[in-house]
Amino acid sequence: MKVRVKLYAMLADYLPAGAVKNEVDVELPEGTAVSEALASLQMPIEQCHLVLVNGVFIAPSERSARRLAEGDALAVWPPVAGG
């Protein structure tokens, strides 16, 4: 299945080849969990602070249970610091 992955800030370094700006379509097996998709991109899990699927927040405790579907958009932001 094809899923659109959008990685923001420093996480964009983990996008595979073929990414345009901060997003890319990736091919994943049917029923891939959010946590499995993140692991396939080899991102440090502690850097995956805000995770959305189709604009809906996925809490860390739900990421291994939430399955992706064809055409989903997975967006991830790292922790943000500021002042």
PDB file of N, CA and C in Angstrom:
ATOM      1  N   MET A   1       0.849  -1.174   0.000  1.00  0.00           N
ATOM      2  CA  MET A   1       0.000   0.000   0.000  1.00  0.00           C
ATOM      3  C   MET A   1       0.892   1.233   0.000  1.00  0.00           C
ATOM      4  N   LYS A   2       0.364   2.312  -0.535  1.00  0.00           N
ATOM      5  CA  LYS A   2       1.123   3.555  -0.613  1.00  0.00           C
ATOM      6  C   LYS A   2       0.636   4.512   0.470  1.00  0.00           C
ATOM      7  N   VAL A   3       1.600   5.067   1.234  1.00  0.00           N
ATOM      8  CA  VAL A   3       1.321   6.018   2.307  1.00  0.00           C
ATOM      9  C   VAL A   3       2.192   7.247   2.090  1.00  0.00           C
ATOM     10  N   ARG A   4       1.626   8.436   2.267  1.00  0.00           N
ATOM     11  CA  ARG A   4       2.396   9.680   2.171  1.00  0.00           C
ATOM     12  C   ARG A   4       3.026   9.960   3.531  1.00  0.00           C
ATOM     13  N   VAL A   5       4.344  10.100   3.570  1.00  0.00           N
ATOM     14  CA  VAL A   5       5.071  10.394   4.807  1.00  0.00           C
ATOM     15  C   VAL A   5       5.577  11.824   4.736  1.00  0.00           C
ATOM     16  N   LYS A   6       5.285  12.595   5.788  1.00  0.00           N
ATOM     17  CA  LYS A   6       5.735  13.978   5.891  1.00  0.00           C
ATOM     18  C   LYS A   6       6.525  14.115   7.181  1.00  0.00           C
ATOM     19  N   LEU A   7       7.797  14.477   7.055  1.00  0.00           N
ATOM     20  CA  LEU A   7       8.660  14.638   8.225  1.00  0.00           C
ATOM     21  C   LEU A   7       9.106  16.083   8.315  1.00  0.00           C
ATOM     22  N   TYR A   8       9.029  16.637   9.503  1.00  0.00           N
ATOM     23  CA  TYR A   8       9.298  18.058   9.700  1.00  0.00           C
ATOM     24  C   TYR A   8      10.566  18.288  10.509  1.00  0.00           C
ATOM     25  N   ALA A   9      11.123  19.502  10.328  1.00  0.00           N
ATOM     26  CA  ALA A   9      12.344  19.951  11.017  1.00  0.00           C
ATOM     27  C   ALA A   9      13.455  18.944  10.756  1.00  0.00           C
ATOM     28  N   MET A  10      14.229  18.612  11.777  1.00  0.00           N
ATOM     29  CA  MET A  10      15.395  17.741  11.591  1.00  0.00           C
ATOM     30  C   MET A  10      15.030  16.323  11.160  1.00  0.00           C
ATOM     31  N   LEU A  11      13.779  15.915  11.331  1.00  0.00           N
ATOM     32  CA  LEU A  11      13.375  14.572  10.930  1.00  0.00           C
ATOM     33  C   LEU A  11      13.391  14.391   9.417  1.00  0.00           C
ATOM     34  N   ALA A  12      13.368  15.476   8.672  1.00  0.00           N
ATOM     35  CA  ALA A  12      13.407  15.387   7.206  1.00  0.00           C
ATOM     36  C   ALA A  12      14.655  14.657   6.722  1.00  0.00           C
ATOM     37  N   ASP A  13      15.690  14.608   7.544  1.00  0.00           N
ATOM     38  CA  ASP A  13      16.910  13.879   7.182  1.00  0.00           C
ATOM     39  C   ASP A  13      16.657  12.380   7.023  1.00  0.00           C
ATOM     40  N   TYR A  14      15.562  11.877   7.581  1.00  0.00           N
ATOM     41  CA  TYR A  14      15.250  10.450   7.520  1.00  0.00           C
ATOM     42  C   TYR A  14      14.376  10.075   6.324  1.00  0.00           C
ATOM     43  N   LEU A  15      14.008  11.047   5.507  1.00  0.00           N
ATOM     44  CA  LEU A  15      13.206  10.739   4.331  1.00  0.00           C
ATOM     45  C   LEU A  15      14.025   9.936   3.327  1.00  0.00           C
ATOM     46  N   PRO A  16      13.411   8.945   2.691  1.00  0.00           N
ATOM     47  CA  PRO A  16      14.132   8.175   1.679  1.00  0.00           C
ATOM     48  C   PRO A  16      14.345   8.990   0.406  1.00  0.00           C
ATOM     49  N   ALA A  17      15.157   8.459  -0.464  1.00  0.00           N
ATOM     50  CA  ALA A  17      15.416   9.098  -1.753  1.00  0.00           C
ATOM     51  C   ALA A  17      14.096   9.306  -2.483  1.00  0.00           C
ATOM     52  N   GLY A  18      14.032  10.388  -3.232  1.00  0.00           N
ATOM     53  CA  GLY A  18      12.837  10.696  -3.995  1.00  0.00           C
ATOM     54  C   GLY A  18      11.901  11.663  -3.296  1.00  0.00           C
ATOM     55  N   ALA A  19      12.263  12.061  -2.078  1.00  0.00           N
ATOM     56  CA  ALA A  19      11.423  13.006  -1.341  1.00  0.00           C
ATOM     57  C   ALA A  19      11.474  14.381  -1.991  1.00  0.00           C
ATOM     58  N   VAL A  20      10.353  15.049  -1.998  1.00  0.00           N
ATOM     59  CA  VAL A  20      10.259  16.415  -2.497  1.00  0.00           C
ATOM     60  C   VAL A  20       9.875  17.276  -1.308  1.00  0.00           C
ATOM     61  N   LYS A  21      10.723  18.274  -1.039  1.00  0.00           N
ATOM     62  CA  LYS A  21      10.578  19.107   0.154  1.00  0.00           C
ATOM     63  C   LYS A  21      10.617  18.208   1.375  1.00  0.00           C
ATOM     64  N   ASN A  22       9.514  18.056   2.086  1.00  0.00           N
ATOM     65  CA  ASN A  22       9.548  17.263   3.308  1.00  0.00           C
ATOM     66  C   ASN A  22       8.640  16.038   3.246  1.00  0.00           C
ATOM     67  N   GLU A  23       8.280  15.586   2.038  1.00  0.00           N
ATOM     68  CA  GLU A  23       7.369  14.450   1.959  1.00  0.00           C
ATOM     69  C   GLU A  23       7.705  13.502   0.821  1.00  0.00           C
ATOM     70  N   VAL A  24       7.213  12.268   0.987  1.00  0.00           N
ATOM     71  CA  VAL A  24       7.446  11.233  -0.003  1.00  0.00           C
ATOM     72  C   VAL A  24       6.363  10.163   0.143  1.00  0.00           C
ATOM     73  N   ASP A  25       6.018   9.526  -0.945  1.00  0.00           N
ATOM     74  CA  ASP A  25       5.125   8.364  -0.888  1.00  0.00           C
ATOM     75  C   ASP A  25       5.998   7.131  -0.696  1.00  0.00           C
ATOM     76  N   VAL A  26       5.624   6.302   0.273  1.00  0.00           N
ATOM     77  CA  VAL A  26       6.366   5.074   0.523  1.00  0.00           C
ATOM     78  C   VAL A  26       5.433   3.882   0.365  1.00  0.00           C
ATOM     79  N   GLU A  27       5.998   2.785  -0.032  1.00  0.00           N
ATOM     80  CA  GLU A  27       5.260   1.540  -0.193  1.00  0.00           C
ATOM     81  C   GLU A  27       5.468   0.719   1.083  1.00  0.00           C
ATOM     82  N   LEU A  28       4.368   0.340   1.735  1.00  0.00           N
ATOM     83  CA  LEU A  28       4.415  -0.436   2.972  1.00  0.00           C
ATOM     84  C   LEU A  28       3.496  -1.643   2.838  1.00  0.00           C
ATOM     85  N   PRO A  29       3.774  -2.722   3.580  1.00  0.00           N
ATOM     86  CA  PRO A  29       2.866  -3.870   3.554  1.00  0.00           C
ATOM     87  C   PRO A  29       1.489  -3.495   4.122  1.00  0.00           C
ATOM     88  N   GLU A  30       0.443  -4.116   3.614  1.00  0.00           N
ATOM     89  CA  GLU A  30      -0.905  -3.890   4.136  1.00  0.00           C
ATOM     90  C   GLU A  30      -0.917  -4.105   5.644  1.00  0.00           C
ATOM     91  N   GLY A  31      -1.607  -3.226   6.355  1.00  0.00           N
ATOM     92  CA  GLY A  31      -1.760  -3.380   7.796  1.00  0.00           C
ATOM     93  C   GLY A  31      -0.576  -2.950   8.629  1.00  0.00           C
ATOM     94  N   THR A  32       0.367  -2.228   8.040  1.00  0.00           N
ATOM     95  CA  THR A  32       1.530  -1.753   8.794  1.00  0.00           C
ATOM     96  C   THR A  32       1.076  -0.810   9.900  1.00  0.00           C
ATOM     97  N   ALA A  33       1.595  -1.023  11.112  1.00  0.00           N
ATOM     98  CA  ALA A  33       1.289  -0.141  12.235  1.00  0.00           C
ATOM     99  C   ALA A  33       2.105   1.139  12.110  1.00  0.00           C
ATOM    100  N   VAL A  34       1.614   2.202  12.727  1.00  0.00           N
ATOM    101  CA  VAL A  34       2.333   3.474  12.727  1.00  0.00           C
ATOM    102  C   VAL A  34       3.746   3.263  13.262  1.00  0.00           C
ATOM    103  N   SER A  35       3.889   2.532  14.359  1.00  0.00           N
ATOM    104  CA  SER A  35       5.215   2.305  14.942  1.00  0.00           C
ATOM    105  C   SER A  35       6.134   1.561  13.984  1.00  0.00           C
ATOM    106  N   GLU A  36       5.590   0.635  13.215  1.00  0.00           N
ATOM    107  CA  GLU A  36       6.387  -0.107  12.232  1.00  0.00           C
ATOM    108  C   GLU A  36       6.819   0.797  11.084  1.00  0.00           C
ATOM    109  N   ALA A  37       5.945   1.687  10.663  1.00  0.00           N
ATOM    110  CA  ALA A  37       6.294   2.628   9.596  1.00  0.00           C
ATOM    111  C   ALA A  37       7.422   3.544  10.050  1.00  0.00           C
ATOM    112  N   LEU A  38       7.341   4.030  11.281  1.00  0.00           N
ATOM    113  CA  LEU A  38       8.402   4.888  11.815  1.00  0.00           C
ATOM    114  C   LEU A  38       9.716   4.125  11.909  1.00  0.00           C
ATOM    115  N   ALA A  39       9.662   2.892  12.369  1.00  0.00           N
ATOM    116  CA  ALA A  39      10.874   2.065  12.476  1.00  0.00           C
ATOM    117  C   ALA A  39      11.484   1.798  11.106  1.00  0.00           C
ATOM    118  N   SER A  40      10.646   1.641  10.082  1.00  0.00           N
ATOM    119  CA  SER A  40      11.174   1.363   8.739  1.00  0.00           C
ATOM    120  C   SER A  40      11.982   2.536   8.195  1.00  0.00           C
ATOM    121  N   LEU A  41      11.719   3.734   8.721  1.00  0.00           N
ATOM    122  CA  LEU A  41      12.476   4.923   8.314  1.00  0.00           C
ATOM    123  C   LEU A  41      13.703   5.139   9.197  1.00  0.00           C
ATOM    124  N   GLN A  42      13.894   4.252  10.171  1.00  0.00           N
ATOM    125  CA  GLN A  42      15.050   4.271  11.072  1.00  0.00           C
ATOM    126  C   GLN A  42      15.163   5.572  11.858  1.00  0.00           C
ATOM    127  N   MET A  43      14.008   6.118  12.220  1.00  0.00           N
ATOM    128  CA  MET A  43      13.998   7.339  13.029  1.00  0.00           C
ATOM    129  C   MET A  43      14.091   6.974  14.503  1.00  0.00           C
ATOM    130  N   PRO A  44      14.853   7.743  15.285  1.00  0.00           N
ATOM    131  CA  PRO A  44      14.881   7.500  16.730  1.00  0.00           C
ATOM    132  C   PRO A  44      13.496   7.782  17.318  1.00  0.00           C
ATOM    133  N   ILE A  45      12.929   6.810  17.994  1.00  0.00           N
ATOM    134  CA  ILE A  45      11.567   6.929  18.488  1.00  0.00           C
ATOM    135  C   ILE A  45      11.395   8.117  19.433  1.00  0.00           C
ATOM    136  N   GLU A  46      12.435   8.460  20.180  1.00  0.00           N
ATOM    137  CA  GLU A  46      12.338   9.598  21.102  1.00  0.00           C
ATOM    138  C   GLU A  46      12.248  10.931  20.360  1.00  0.00           C
ATOM    139  N   GLN A  47      12.559  10.924  19.075  1.00  0.00           N
ATOM    140  CA  GLN A  47      12.453  12.134  18.267  1.00  0.00           C
ATOM    141  C   GLN A  47      11.102  12.256  17.562  1.00  0.00           C
ATOM    142  N   CYS A  48      10.264  11.235  17.696  1.00  0.00           N
ATOM    143  CA  CYS A  48       8.939  11.246  17.074  1.00  0.00           C
ATOM    144  C   CYS A  48       7.919  11.726  18.104  1.00  0.00           C
ATOM    145  N   HIS A  49       7.887  13.028  18.302  1.00  0.00           N
ATOM    146  CA  HIS A  49       7.093  13.615  19.379  1.00  0.00           C
ATOM    147  C   HIS A  49       5.617  13.743  19.007  1.00  0.00           C
ATOM    148  N   LEU A  50       5.335  14.412  17.925  1.00  0.00           N
ATOM    149  CA  LEU A  50       3.962  14.631  17.484  1.00  0.00           C
ATOM    150  C   LEU A  50       3.742  13.811  16.219  1.00  0.00           C
ATOM    151  N   VAL A  51       2.830  12.856  16.295  1.00  0.00           N
ATOM    152  CA  VAL A  51       2.545  11.974  15.162  1.00  0.00           C
ATOM    153  C   VAL A  51       1.066  12.090  14.820  1.00  0.00           C
ATOM    154  N   LEU A  52       0.792  12.386  13.552  1.00  0.00           N
ATOM    155  CA  LEU A  52      -0.577  12.509  13.068  1.00  0.00           C
ATOM    156  C   LEU A  52      -0.800  11.556  11.902  1.00  0.00           C
ATOM    157  N   VAL A  53      -1.978  10.966  11.848  1.00  0.00           N
ATOM    158  CA  VAL A  53      -2.410  10.201  10.680  1.00  0.00           C
ATOM    159  C   VAL A  53      -3.666  10.890  10.166  1.00  0.00           C
ATOM    160  N   ASN A  54      -3.579  11.387   8.952  1.00  0.00           N
ATOM    161  CA  ASN A  54      -4.688  12.125   8.337  1.00  0.00           C
ATOM    162  C   ASN A  54      -5.160  13.266   9.236  1.00  0.00           C
ATOM    163  N   GLY A  55      -4.205  13.915   9.906  1.00  0.00           N
ATOM    164  CA  GLY A  55      -4.514  15.067  10.740  1.00  0.00           C
ATOM    165  C   GLY A  55      -4.983  14.738  12.145  1.00  0.00           C
ATOM    166  N   VAL A  56      -5.015  13.461  12.512  1.00  0.00           N
ATOM    167  CA  VAL A  56      -5.481  13.039  13.831  1.00  0.00           C
ATOM    168  C   VAL A  56      -4.276  12.587  14.663  1.00  0.00           C
ATOM    169  N   PHE A  57      -4.145  13.160  15.868  1.00  0.00           N
ATOM    170  CA  PHE A  57      -3.038  12.833  16.769  1.00  0.00           C
ATOM    171  C   PHE A  57      -3.079  11.366  17.162  1.00  0.00           C
ATOM    172  N   ILE A  58      -1.905  10.715  17.103  1.00  0.00           N
ATOM    173  CA  ILE A  58      -1.754   9.327  17.532  1.00  0.00           C
ATOM    174  C   ILE A  58      -0.820   9.338  18.735  1.00  0.00           C
ATOM    175  N   ALA A  59      -1.350   9.052  19.913  1.00  0.00           N
ATOM    176  CA  ALA A  59      -0.562   9.041  21.143  1.00  0.00           C
ATOM    177  C   ALA A  59       0.476   7.923  21.084  1.00  0.00           C
ATOM    178  N   PRO A  60       1.600   8.102  21.777  1.00  0.00           N
ATOM    179  CA  PRO A  60       2.628   7.051  21.781  1.00  0.00           C
ATOM    180  C   PRO A  60       2.083   5.670  22.157  1.00  0.00           C
ATOM    181  N   SER A  61       1.149   5.614  23.079  1.00  0.00           N
ATOM    182  CA  SER A  61       0.581   4.329  23.513  1.00  0.00           C
ATOM    183  C   SER A  61      -0.291   3.671  22.443  1.00  0.00           C
ATOM    184  N   GLU A  62      -0.691   4.421  21.401  1.00  0.00           N
ATOM    185  CA  GLU A  62      -1.563   3.898  20.348  1.00  0.00           C
ATOM    186  C   GLU A  62      -0.823   3.560  19.060  1.00  0.00           C
ATOM    187  N   ARG A  63       0.451   3.897  18.983  1.00  0.00           N
ATOM    188  CA  ARG A  63       1.180   3.791  17.713  1.00  0.00           C
ATOM    189  C   ARG A  63       1.416   2.369  17.243  1.00  0.00           C
ATOM    190  N   SER A  64       1.462   1.410  18.149  1.00  0.00           N
ATOM    191  CA  SER A  64       1.652   0.026  17.702  1.00  0.00           C
ATOM    192  C   SER A  64       0.323  -0.631  17.334  1.00  0.00           C
ATOM    193  N   ALA A  65      -0.790  -0.073  17.795  1.00  0.00           N
ATOM    194  CA  ALA A  65      -2.104  -0.633  17.479  1.00  0.00           C
ATOM    195  C   ALA A  65      -2.736   0.024  16.254  1.00  0.00           C
ATOM    196  N   ARG A  66      -2.421   1.276  15.987  1.00  0.00           N
ATOM    197  CA  ARG A  66      -3.036   2.020  14.880  1.00  0.00           C
ATOM    198  C   ARG A  66      -2.430   1.562  13.563  1.00  0.00           C
ATOM    199  N   ARG A  67      -3.254   0.974  12.712  1.00  0.00           N
ATOM    200  CA  ARG A  67      -2.818   0.461  11.411  1.00  0.00           C
ATOM    201  C   ARG A  67      -3.044   1.511  10.338  1.00  0.00           C
ATOM    202  N   LEU A  68      -2.107   1.587   9.424  1.00  0.00           N
ATOM    203  CA  LEU A  68      -2.217   2.503   8.292  1.00  0.00           C
ATOM    204  C   LEU A  68      -2.981   1.828   7.163  1.00  0.00           C
ATOM    205  N   ALA A  69      -3.600   2.643   6.327  1.00  0.00           N
ATOM    206  CA  ALA A  69      -4.346   2.154   5.171  1.00  0.00           C
ATOM    207  C   ALA A  69      -3.861   2.872   3.916  1.00  0.00           C
ATOM    208  N   GLU A  70      -4.159   2.301   2.781  1.00  0.00           N
ATOM    209  CA  GLU A  70      -3.806   2.891   1.486  1.00  0.00           C
ATOM    210  C   GLU A  70      -4.237   4.355   1.449  1.00  0.00           C
ATOM    211  N   GLY A  71      -3.300   5.227   1.071  1.00  0.00           N
ATOM    212  CA  GLY A  71      -3.604   6.638   0.913  1.00  0.00           C
ATOM    213  C   GLY A  71      -3.513   7.480   2.174  1.00  0.00           C
ATOM    214  N   ASP A  72      -3.210   6.866   3.307  1.00  0.00           N
ATOM    215  CA  ASP A  72      -3.069   7.642   4.544  1.00  0.00           C
ATOM    216  C   ASP A  72      -1.894   8.607   4.442  1.00  0.00           C
ATOM    217  N   ALA A  73      -1.964   9.675   5.241  1.00  0.00           N
ATOM    218  CA  ALA A  73      -0.861  10.631   5.360  1.00  0.00           C
ATOM    219  C   ALA A  73      -0.345  10.559   6.790  1.00  0.00           C
ATOM    220  N   LEU A  74       0.937  10.222   6.925  1.00  0.00           N
ATOM    221  CA  LEU A  74       1.602  10.113   8.219  1.00  0.00           C
ATOM    222  C   LEU A  74       2.550  11.311   8.362  1.00  0.00           C
ATOM    223  N   ALA A  75       2.288  12.163   9.352  1.00  0.00           N
ATOM    224  CA  ALA A  75       3.099  13.362   9.572  1.00  0.00           C
ATOM    225  C   ALA A  75       3.744  13.280  10.947  1.00  0.00           C
ATOM    226  N   VAL A  76       5.045  13.651  11.013  1.00  0.00           N
ATOM    227  CA  VAL A  76       5.790  13.523  12.280  1.00  0.00           C
ATOM    228  C   VAL A  76       6.630  14.759  12.515  1.00  0.00           C
ATOM    229  N   TRP A  77       6.574  15.261  13.758  1.00  0.00           N
ATOM    230  CA  TRP A  77       7.383  16.395  14.205  1.00  0.00           C
ATOM    231  C   TRP A  77       8.244  15.969  15.384  1.00  0.00           C
ATOM    232  N   PRO A  78       9.450  16.516  15.488  1.00  0.00           N
ATOM    233  CA  PRO A  78      10.290  16.235  16.652  1.00  0.00           C
ATOM    234  C   PRO A  78       9.847  17.122  17.829  1.00  0.00           C
ATOM    235  N   PRO A  79      10.414  16.872  19.023  1.00  0.00           N
ATOM    236  CA  PRO A  79      10.148  17.792  20.142  1.00  0.00           C
ATOM    237  C   PRO A  79      10.602  19.192  19.764  1.00  0.00           C
ATOM    238  N   VAL A  80       9.873  20.179  20.234  1.00  0.00           N
ATOM    239  CA  VAL A  80      10.177  21.572  19.912  1.00  0.00           C
ATOM    240  C   VAL A  80      10.585  22.296  21.180  1.00  0.00           C
ATOM    241  N   ALA A  81      11.650  23.040  21.095  1.00  0.00           N
ATOM    242  CA  ALA A  81      12.086  23.858  22.215  1.00  0.00           C
ATOM    243  C   ALA A  81      12.074  25.320  21.767  1.00  0.00           C
ATOM    244  N   GLY A  82      11.807  26.173  22.665  1.00  0.00           N
ATOM    245  CA  GLY A  82      11.780  27.582  22.298  1.00  0.00           C
ATOM    246  C   GLY A  82      11.730  28.453  23.538  1.00  0.00           C
ATOM    247  N   GLY A  83      11.632  29.714  23.281  1.00  0.00           N
ATOM    248  CA  GLY A  83      11.616  30.567  24.448  1.00  0.00           C
ATOM    249  C   GLY A  83      10.967  31.870  24.199  1.00  0.00           C
TER     250      GLY A  83
END
